[in-house]
Amino acid sequence: AVLAAMRAHNTHAGVQEQGCWTLGQLAENNYANKIDIAAAEGIAAVLEGMRAHASEVGVQQNGCSALGNLARNNDDIKVKVAAEGGIAAVLAAMRAHNTHAGVQEQGCWTLGQLAENNYANKIDIAAAEGIAAVLEGMRAHASEVGVQQNGCSALGNLARNNDDIKVKVAAEGGIAAV
């Protein structure tokens, strides 16, 4: 029902916002739902909603959250999200809504989930200036605990077991930010 609603009402930001929110809730800590959502082209639906409603904060925040919940602890879905353009979509959301703490918090969350134990995603995130995006979000929202927590997690997951990214995080000011 959720994916059908998102597809039928792809020009309605409210449907996309709530559809992304619902998919994220269904995916959270539920392996079977993650598989079902991915198999039903749910990742594509979230990304299409984010692209169609780039100026809508709620769609971007909930889209990032849904992608992060889908990717969390699922190596296959991490690969699929990245292959379908999820890294670029999350970074676009963070850049377009750099003054919105919720988008920064969920963007950092999702980048961290995509980077966790996935070497290719780490490289792709770093190459797309994802480290800078995380640090900019952390600096802009220094008083927001959720942004700080998820930013630290994203930087840690990016740097874990990757010496080149460790150097890049440090060189871009990551040590001082954390």
C-alpha atoms as a PDB file:
ATOM      1  CA  ALA A   1       0.000   0.000   0.000  1.00  0.00           C
ATOM      2  CA  VAL A   2       2.783   2.457   0.914  1.00  0.00           C
ATOM      3  CA  LEU A   3       4.771   1.970  -2.279  1.00  0.00           C
ATOM      4  CA  ALA A   4       1.597   2.063  -4.357  1.00  0.00           C
ATOM      5  CA  ALA A   5       0.650   5.379  -2.739  1.00  0.00           C
ATOM      6  CA  MET A   6       4.124   6.809  -3.344  1.00  0.00           C
ATOM      7  CA  ARG A   7       4.012   5.784  -7.001  1.00  0.00           C
ATOM      8  CA  ALA A   8       0.451   6.982  -7.597  1.00  0.00           C
ATOM      9  CA  HIS A   9       1.064  10.336  -5.908  1.00  0.00           C
ATOM     10  CA  ASN A  10       4.677  10.983  -6.826  1.00  0.00           C
ATOM     11  CA  THR A  11       4.034  14.722  -7.268  1.00  0.00           C
ATOM     12  CA  HIS A  12       2.582  15.135  -3.765  1.00  0.00           C
ATOM     13  CA  ALA A  13       5.284  15.983  -1.240  1.00  0.00           C
ATOM     14  CA  GLY A  14       3.155  14.976   1.759  1.00  0.00           C
ATOM     15  CA  VAL A  15       2.628  11.459   0.434  1.00  0.00           C
ATOM     16  CA  GLN A  16       6.355  11.141  -0.275  1.00  0.00           C
ATOM     17  CA  GLU A  17       7.292  12.439   3.175  1.00  0.00           C
ATOM     18  CA  GLN A  18       4.971  10.058   4.984  1.00  0.00           C
ATOM     19  CA  GLY A  19       5.762   7.178   2.638  1.00  0.00           C
ATOM     20  CA  CYS A  20       9.477   7.553   3.343  1.00  0.00           C
ATOM     21  CA  TRP A  21       8.761   7.809   7.067  1.00  0.00           C
ATOM     22  CA  THR A  22       6.648   4.655   7.020  1.00  0.00           C
ATOM     23  CA  LEU A  23       9.180   2.649   5.005  1.00  0.00           C
ATOM     24  CA  GLY A  24      11.882   3.716   7.445  1.00  0.00           C
ATOM     25  CA  GLN A  25       9.780   2.607  10.400  1.00  0.00           C
ATOM     26  CA  LEU A  26       8.994  -0.725   8.762  1.00  0.00           C
ATOM     27  CA  ALA A  27      12.684  -1.322   7.999  1.00  0.00           C
ATOM     28  CA  GLU A  28      13.985  -0.381  11.424  1.00  0.00           C
ATOM     29  CA  ASN A  29      15.462  -3.490  13.051  1.00  0.00           C
ATOM     30  CA  ASN A  30      13.349  -5.802  10.872  1.00  0.00           C
ATOM     31  CA  TYR A  31      15.412  -7.874   8.442  1.00  0.00           C
ATOM     32  CA  ALA A  32      12.448  -9.437   6.623  1.00  0.00           C
ATOM     33  CA  ASN A  33      10.824  -6.052   5.992  1.00  0.00           C
ATOM     34  CA  LYS A  34      14.112  -4.653   4.660  1.00  0.00           C
ATOM     35  CA  ILE A  35      14.328  -7.486   2.146  1.00  0.00           C
ATOM     36  CA  ASP A  36      10.689  -7.070   1.130  1.00  0.00           C
ATOM     37  CA  ILE A  37      11.004  -3.295   0.713  1.00  0.00           C
ATOM     38  CA  ALA A  38      14.162  -3.626  -1.380  1.00  0.00           C
ATOM     39  CA  ALA A  39      12.643  -6.387  -3.523  1.00  0.00           C
ATOM     40  CA  ALA A  40       9.559  -4.246  -4.169  1.00  0.00           C
ATOM     41  CA  GLU A  41      11.740  -1.383  -5.472  1.00  0.00           C
ATOM     42  CA  GLY A  42      11.314   0.595  -2.271  1.00  0.00           C
ATOM     43  CA  ILE A  43      14.809   2.053  -2.471  1.00  0.00           C
ATOM     44  CA  ALA A  44      14.008   3.451  -5.907  1.00  0.00           C
ATOM     45  CA  ALA A  45      10.717   4.877  -4.602  1.00  0.00           C
ATOM     46  CA  VAL A  46      12.486   6.693  -1.771  1.00  0.00           C
ATOM     47  CA  LEU A  47      15.137   8.071  -4.112  1.00  0.00           C
ATOM     48  CA  GLU A  48      12.541   9.153  -6.667  1.00  0.00           C
ATOM     49  CA  GLY A  49      10.634  10.970  -3.938  1.00  0.00           C
ATOM     50  CA  MET A  50      13.798  12.691  -2.740  1.00  0.00           C
ATOM     51  CA  ARG A  51      14.738  13.765  -6.273  1.00  0.00           C
ATOM     52  CA  ALA A  52      11.240  14.989  -7.130  1.00  0.00           C
ATOM     53  CA  HIS A  53      10.931  16.994  -3.906  1.00  0.00           C
ATOM     54  CA  ALA A  54      14.479  18.224  -3.331  1.00  0.00           C
ATOM     55  CA  SER A  55      13.272  21.453  -1.715  1.00  0.00           C
ATOM     56  CA  GLU A  56      10.989  19.696   0.783  1.00  0.00           C
ATOM     57  CA  VAL A  57      12.738  19.289   4.132  1.00  0.00           C
ATOM     58  CA  GLY A  58      10.403  16.555   5.392  1.00  0.00           C
ATOM     59  CA  VAL A  59      10.889  14.403   2.314  1.00  0.00           C
ATOM     60  CA  GLN A  60      14.659  14.776   2.561  1.00  0.00           C
ATOM     61  CA  GLN A  61      14.849  14.041   6.278  1.00  0.00           C
ATOM     62  CA  ASN A  62      12.540  11.028   6.101  1.00  0.00           C
ATOM     63  CA  GLY A  63      14.134   9.805   2.870  1.00  0.00           C
ATOM     64  CA  CYS A  64      17.564   9.827   4.479  1.00  0.00           C
ATOM     65  CA  SER A  65      16.191   8.049   7.533  1.00  0.00           C
ATOM     66  CA  ALA A  66      14.500   5.377   5.422  1.00  0.00           C
ATOM     67  CA  LEU A  67      17.682   4.704   3.440  1.00  0.00           C
ATOM     68  CA  GLY A  68      19.701   4.479   6.654  1.00  0.00           C
ATOM     69  CA  ASN A  69      17.259   2.088   8.296  1.00  0.00           C
ATOM     70  CA  LEU A  70      17.196  -0.081   5.179  1.00  0.00           C
ATOM     71  CA  ALA A  71      21.000  -0.184   4.983  1.00  0.00           C
ATOM     72  CA  ARG A  72      21.631  -0.778   8.677  1.00  0.00           C
ATOM     73  CA  ASN A  73      23.162  -4.216   9.251  1.00  0.00           C
ATOM     74  CA  ASN A  74      22.394  -5.380   5.710  1.00  0.00           C
ATOM     75  CA  ASP A  75      25.379  -5.597   3.381  1.00  0.00           C
ATOM     76  CA  ASP A  76      23.345  -6.334   0.246  1.00  0.00           C
ATOM     77  CA  ILE A  77      21.065  -3.356   0.742  1.00  0.00           C
ATOM     78  CA  LYS A  78      24.049  -1.070   1.400  1.00  0.00           C
ATOM     79  CA  VAL A  79      25.354  -2.014  -2.026  1.00  0.00           C
ATOM     80  CA  LYS A  80      21.929  -1.542  -3.631  1.00  0.00           C
ATOM     81  CA  VAL A  81      21.356   1.869  -2.063  1.00  0.00           C
ATOM     82  CA  ALA A  82      24.738   3.061  -3.309  1.00  0.00           C
ATOM     83  CA  ALA A  83      24.252   1.561  -6.773  1.00  0.00           C
ATOM     84  CA  GLU A  84      20.902   3.312  -7.164  1.00  0.00           C
ATOM     85  CA  GLY A  85      22.358   6.718  -6.276  1.00  0.00           C
ATOM     86  CA  GLY A  86      21.685   6.842  -2.553  1.00  0.00           C
ATOM     87  CA  ILE A  87      25.012   8.407  -1.591  1.00  0.00           C
ATOM     88  CA  ALA A  88      24.514  11.272  -4.030  1.00  0.00           C
ATOM     89  CA  ALA A  89      20.912  11.751  -2.891  1.00  0.00           C
ATOM     90  CA  VAL A  90      21.869  11.955   0.780  1.00  0.00           C
ATOM     91  CA  LEU A  91      24.691  14.404   0.083  1.00  0.00           C
ATOM     92  CA  ALA A  92      22.390  16.516  -2.098  1.00  0.00           C
ATOM     93  CA  ALA A  93      19.867  16.649   0.758  1.00  0.00           C
ATOM     94  CA  MET A  94      22.549  17.655   3.259  1.00  0.00           C
ATOM     95  CA  ARG A  95      23.886  20.386   0.976  1.00  0.00           C
ATOM     96  CA  ALA A  96      20.459  21.762   0.047  1.00  0.00           C
ATOM     97  CA  HIS A  97      19.261  21.829   3.660  1.00  0.00           C
ATOM     98  CA  ASN A  98      22.453  22.644   5.526  1.00  0.00           C
ATOM     99  CA  THR A  99      20.550  24.835   8.006  1.00  0.00           C
ATOM    100  CA  HIS A 100      18.114  22.075   8.974  1.00  0.00           C
ATOM    101  CA  ALA A 101      19.379  19.983  11.873  1.00  0.00           C
ATOM    102  CA  GLY A 102      17.020  17.069  11.164  1.00  0.00           C
ATOM    103  CA  VAL A 103      18.293  16.612   7.622  1.00  0.00           C
ATOM    104  CA  GLN A 104      21.890  16.811   8.860  1.00  0.00           C
ATOM    105  CA  GLU A 105      21.219  14.294  11.626  1.00  0.00           C
ATOM    106  CA  GLN A 106      19.563  11.782   9.308  1.00  0.00           C
ATOM    107  CA  GLY A 107      22.063  12.413   6.503  1.00  0.00           C
ATOM    108  CA  CYS A 108      24.968  11.678   8.837  1.00  0.00           C
ATOM    109  CA  TRP A 109      23.107   8.601  10.128  1.00  0.00           C
ATOM    110  CA  THR A 110      22.647   7.245   6.628  1.00  0.00           C
ATOM    111  CA  LEU A 111      26.205   7.924   5.477  1.00  0.00           C
ATOM    112  CA  GLY A 112      27.442   6.129   8.582  1.00  0.00           C
ATOM    113  CA  GLN A 113      25.224   3.123   7.905  1.00  0.00           C
ATOM    114  CA  LEU A 114      26.288   2.966   4.261  1.00  0.00           C
ATOM    115  CA  ALA A 115      29.980   3.196   5.222  1.00  0.00           C
ATOM    116  CA  GLU A 116      29.905   0.610   7.998  1.00  0.00           C
ATOM    117  CA  ASN A 117      31.951  -2.399   6.876  1.00  0.00           C
ATOM    118  CA  ASN A 118      31.631  -1.453   3.192  1.00  0.00           C
ATOM    119  CA  TYR A 119      34.926  -0.434   1.620  1.00  0.00           C
ATOM    120  CA  ALA A 120      33.470   0.660  -1.727  1.00  0.00           C
ATOM    121  CA  ASN A 121      30.870   2.900  -0.084  1.00  0.00           C
ATOM    122  CA  LYS A 122      33.548   4.478   2.119  1.00  0.00           C
ATOM    123  CA  ILE A 123      35.586   5.336  -0.967  1.00  0.00           C
ATOM    124  CA  ASP A 124      32.540   6.655  -2.825  1.00  0.00           C
ATOM    125  CA  ILE A 125      31.399   8.799   0.111  1.00  0.00           C
ATOM    126  CA  ALA A 126      34.879  10.254   0.577  1.00  0.00           C
ATOM    127  CA  ALA A 127      35.258  10.915  -3.165  1.00  0.00           C
ATOM    128  CA  ALA A 128      31.898  12.722  -3.228  1.00  0.00           C
ATOM    129  CA  GLU A 129      33.063  15.088  -0.449  1.00  0.00           C
ATOM    130  CA  GLY A 130      30.996  13.262   2.140  1.00  0.00           C
ATOM    131  CA  ILE A 131      33.538  13.884   4.880  1.00  0.00           C
ATOM    132  CA  ALA A 132      33.243  17.620   4.296  1.00  0.00           C
ATOM    133  CA  ALA A 133      29.434  17.384   4.308  1.00  0.00           C
ATOM    134  CA  VAL A 134      29.441  15.595   7.669  1.00  0.00           C
ATOM    135  CA  LEU A 135      31.890  18.081   9.166  1.00  0.00           C
ATOM    136  CA  GLU A 136      29.908  21.047   7.820  1.00  0.00           C
ATOM    137  CA  GLY A 137      26.754  19.633   9.382  1.00  0.00           C
ATOM    138  CA  MET A 138      28.498  19.122  12.701  1.00  0.00           C
ATOM    139  CA  ARG A 139      29.924  22.639  12.691  1.00  0.00           C
ATOM    140  CA  ALA A 140      26.633  24.261  11.689  1.00  0.00           C
ATOM    141  CA  HIS A 141      24.701  22.387  14.379  1.00  0.00           C
ATOM    142  CA  ALA A 142      27.211  22.207  17.207  1.00  0.00           C
ATOM    143  CA  SER A 143      24.487  22.345  19.864  1.00  0.00           C
ATOM    144  CA  GLU A 144      22.393  19.550  18.307  1.00  0.00           C
ATOM    145  CA  VAL A 145      23.215  16.281  20.072  1.00  0.00           C
ATOM    146  CA  GLY A 146      21.733  14.083  17.314  1.00  0.00           C
ATOM    147  CA  VAL A 147      23.838  15.729  14.611  1.00  0.00           C
ATOM    148  CA  GLN A 148      26.950  15.403  16.752  1.00  0.00           C
ATOM    149  CA  GLN A 149      26.285  11.760  17.608  1.00  0.00           C
ATOM    150  CA  ASN A 150      25.502  10.681  14.049  1.00  0.00           C
ATOM    151  CA  GLY A 151      28.322  12.820  12.649  1.00  0.00           C
ATOM    152  CA  CYS A 152      30.836  11.131  14.947  1.00  0.00           C
ATOM    153  CA  SER A 153      29.435   7.735  13.995  1.00  0.00           C
ATOM    154  CA  ALA A 154      29.648   8.523  10.278  1.00  0.00           C
ATOM    155  CA  LEU A 155      33.256   9.712  10.559  1.00  0.00           C
ATOM    156  CA  GLY A 156      34.171   6.656  12.627  1.00  0.00           C
ATOM    157  CA  ASN A 157      32.560   4.233  10.185  1.00  0.00           C
ATOM    158  CA  LEU A 158      34.244   5.974   7.254  1.00  0.00           C
ATOM    159  CA  ALA A 159      37.665   5.855   8.923  1.00  0.00           C
ATOM    160  CA  ARG A 160      37.430   2.348  10.350  1.00  0.00           C
ATOM    161  CA  ASN A 161      39.953   0.030   8.656  1.00  0.00           C
ATOM    162  CA  ASN A 162      40.858   2.646   6.017  1.00  0.00           C
ATOM    163  CA  ASP A 163      44.099   4.526   6.584  1.00  0.00           C
ATOM    164  CA  ASP A 164      43.598   6.892   3.637  1.00  0.00           C
ATOM    165  CA  ILE A 165      40.235   8.046   4.942  1.00  0.00           C
ATOM    166  CA  LYS A 166      41.644   8.398   8.469  1.00  0.00           C
ATOM    167  CA  VAL A 167      44.201  10.832   7.075  1.00  0.00           C
ATOM    168  CA  LYS A 168      41.527  12.675   5.078  1.00  0.00           C
ATOM    169  CA  VAL A 169      39.199  13.007   8.089  1.00  0.00           C
ATOM    170  CA  ALA A 170      42.068  14.423  10.163  1.00  0.00           C
ATOM    171  CA  ALA A 171      43.221  16.761   7.377  1.00  0.00           C
ATOM    172  CA  GLU A 172      39.688  18.169   6.947  1.00  0.00           C
ATOM    173  CA  GLY A 173      39.414  18.973  10.653  1.00  0.00           C
ATOM    174  CA  GLY A 174      37.691  15.845  11.855  1.00  0.00           C
ATOM    175  CA  ILE A 175      39.725  15.467  15.014  1.00  0.00           C
ATOM    176  CA  ALA A 176      38.859  18.959  16.215  1.00  0.00           C
ATOM    177  CA  ALA A 177      35.208  18.477  15.249  1.00  0.00           C
ATOM    178  CA  VAL A 178      34.909  15.298  17.262  1.00  0.00           C
END
